[in-house]
Amino acid sequence: MSVPVTTLFALEYHVVDDYVARRAPFRDAHLRLAGAAYARGELRLGGEAFASQDPYVVNGLVSRWHVHPWAVAVGG
């Protein structure tokens, strides 16, 4: 029996050392951006267009990020 495989794309952030201490001023905007993208169906967990607008990225809390394929064999 063949199991269908769904390919999603994972967004990976590399954050600065003091990320937790610095994120508070940007957290509400980060969550609003994520919520709006999710409501439009553009985001399940994160994404490239999301990252380029994310206040954490724009304000230097994320030192680099990349998107890579993620094959899902079981689950949604």
C-alpha atoms as a PDB file:
ATOM      1  CA  MET A   1       0.000   0.000   0.000  1.00  0.00           C
ATOM      2  CA  SER A   2       1.370   3.378  -1.007  1.00  0.00           C
ATOM      3  CA  VAL A   3       1.157   6.268   1.457  1.00  0.00           C
ATOM      4  CA  PRO A   4       0.712   9.729  -0.076  1.00  0.00           C
ATOM      5  CA  VAL A   5       3.369  12.220   0.917  1.00  0.00           C
ATOM      6  CA  THR A   6       2.575  15.909   1.271  1.00  0.00           C
ATOM      7  CA  THR A   7       5.396  18.395   0.823  1.00  0.00           C
ATOM      8  CA  LEU A   8       5.253  21.488   2.961  1.00  0.00           C
ATOM      9  CA  PHE A   9       7.974  24.057   3.395  1.00  0.00           C
ATOM     10  CA  ALA A  10       9.620  24.727   6.746  1.00  0.00           C
ATOM     11  CA  LEU A  11      10.805  28.192   7.713  1.00  0.00           C
ATOM     12  CA  GLU A  12      13.851  28.110   9.951  1.00  0.00           C
ATOM     13  CA  TYR A  13      14.974  31.173  11.899  1.00  0.00           C
ATOM     14  CA  HIS A  14      18.437  31.700  13.342  1.00  0.00           C
ATOM     15  CA  VAL A  15      17.974  34.242  16.115  1.00  0.00           C
ATOM     16  CA  VAL A  16      20.430  36.585  17.816  1.00  0.00           C
ATOM     17  CA  ASP A  17      21.811  35.658  21.230  1.00  0.00           C
ATOM     18  CA  ASP A  18      19.626  38.166  23.105  1.00  0.00           C
ATOM     19  CA  TYR A  19      16.475  37.371  21.112  1.00  0.00           C
ATOM     20  CA  VAL A  20      14.292  36.587  24.137  1.00  0.00           C
ATOM     21  CA  ALA A  21      15.251  39.832  25.861  1.00  0.00           C
ATOM     22  CA  ARG A  22      14.652  41.923  22.706  1.00  0.00           C
ATOM     23  CA  ARG A  23      11.471  40.414  21.261  1.00  0.00           C
ATOM     24  CA  ALA A  24       8.827  41.950  23.573  1.00  0.00           C
ATOM     25  CA  PRO A  25       8.362  45.239  21.642  1.00  0.00           C
ATOM     26  CA  PHE A  26       7.777  43.316  18.393  1.00  0.00           C
ATOM     27  CA  ARG A  27       5.789  40.311  19.637  1.00  0.00           C
ATOM     28  CA  ASP A  28       2.280  41.741  19.126  1.00  0.00           C
ATOM     29  CA  ALA A  29       3.114  42.827  15.560  1.00  0.00           C
ATOM     30  CA  HIS A  30       4.700  39.425  14.874  1.00  0.00           C
ATOM     31  CA  LEU A  31       1.566  37.618  16.074  1.00  0.00           C
ATOM     32  CA  ARG A  32      -0.769  39.953  14.131  1.00  0.00           C
ATOM     33  CA  LEU A  33       1.210  39.303  10.955  1.00  0.00           C
ATOM     34  CA  ALA A  34       1.088  35.550  11.542  1.00  0.00           C
ATOM     35  CA  GLY A  35      -2.639  35.607  12.337  1.00  0.00           C
ATOM     36  CA  ALA A  36      -3.487  37.609   9.215  1.00  0.00           C
ATOM     37  CA  ALA A  37      -1.414  35.328   6.973  1.00  0.00           C
ATOM     38  CA  TYR A  38      -3.057  32.277   8.525  1.00  0.00           C
ATOM     39  CA  ALA A  39      -6.551  33.740   8.008  1.00  0.00           C
ATOM     40  CA  ARG A  40      -5.758  34.270   4.295  1.00  0.00           C
ATOM     41  CA  GLY A  41      -4.651  30.633   4.006  1.00  0.00           C
ATOM     42  CA  GLU A  42      -1.072  31.617   3.202  1.00  0.00           C
ATOM     43  CA  LEU A  43       0.462  30.300   6.370  1.00  0.00           C
ATOM     44  CA  ARG A  44       0.301  27.088   8.308  1.00  0.00           C
ATOM     45  CA  LEU A  45       3.392  27.591  10.426  1.00  0.00           C
ATOM     46  CA  GLY A  46       5.497  30.230   8.644  1.00  0.00           C
ATOM     47  CA  GLY A  47       6.690  31.075   5.154  1.00  0.00           C
ATOM     48  CA  GLU A  48       9.087  33.014   2.994  1.00  0.00           C
ATOM     49  CA  ALA A  49       6.808  35.982   2.292  1.00  0.00           C
ATOM     50  CA  PHE A  50       5.908  36.002   5.977  1.00  0.00           C
ATOM     51  CA  ALA A  51       9.556  36.069   7.036  1.00  0.00           C
ATOM     52  CA  SER A  52      10.457  39.028   4.840  1.00  0.00           C
ATOM     53  CA  GLN A  53       7.811  41.137   6.634  1.00  0.00           C
ATOM     54  CA  ASP A  54       8.193  39.681  10.134  1.00  0.00           C
ATOM     55  CA  PRO A  55       9.049  42.389  12.699  1.00  0.00           C
ATOM     56  CA  TYR A  56      11.586  39.980  14.226  1.00  0.00           C
ATOM     57  CA  VAL A  57      13.420  39.848  10.880  1.00  0.00           C
ATOM     58  CA  VAL A  58      12.961  43.532  10.010  1.00  0.00           C
ATOM     59  CA  ASN A  59      14.280  44.632  13.417  1.00  0.00           C
ATOM     60  CA  GLY A  60      17.341  42.363  13.435  1.00  0.00           C
ATOM     61  CA  LEU A  61      16.286  39.733  15.968  1.00  0.00           C
ATOM     62  CA  VAL A  62      16.617  37.035  13.304  1.00  0.00           C
ATOM     63  CA  SER A  63      20.174  36.901  11.988  1.00  0.00           C
ATOM     64  CA  ARG A  64      19.270  34.682   9.023  1.00  0.00           C
ATOM     65  CA  TRP A  65      16.476  32.453   7.818  1.00  0.00           C
ATOM     66  CA  HIS A  66      15.772  29.962   5.071  1.00  0.00           C
ATOM     67  CA  VAL A  67      12.942  27.843   3.742  1.00  0.00           C
ATOM     68  CA  HIS A  68      13.357  24.166   2.951  1.00  0.00           C
ATOM     69  CA  PRO A  69      11.037  21.367   1.809  1.00  0.00           C
ATOM     70  CA  TRP A  70       9.513  19.250   4.555  1.00  0.00           C
ATOM     71  CA  ALA A  71       7.919  15.969   3.477  1.00  0.00           C
ATOM     72  CA  VAL A  72       4.951  14.950   5.643  1.00  0.00           C
ATOM     73  CA  ALA A  73       4.261  11.222   5.499  1.00  0.00           C
ATOM     74  CA  VAL A  74       1.720  11.021   8.329  1.00  0.00           C
ATOM     75  CA  GLY A  75      -0.687  13.745   9.449  1.00  0.00           C
ATOM     76  CA  GLY A  76      -1.971  16.949   7.962  1.00  0.00           C
END
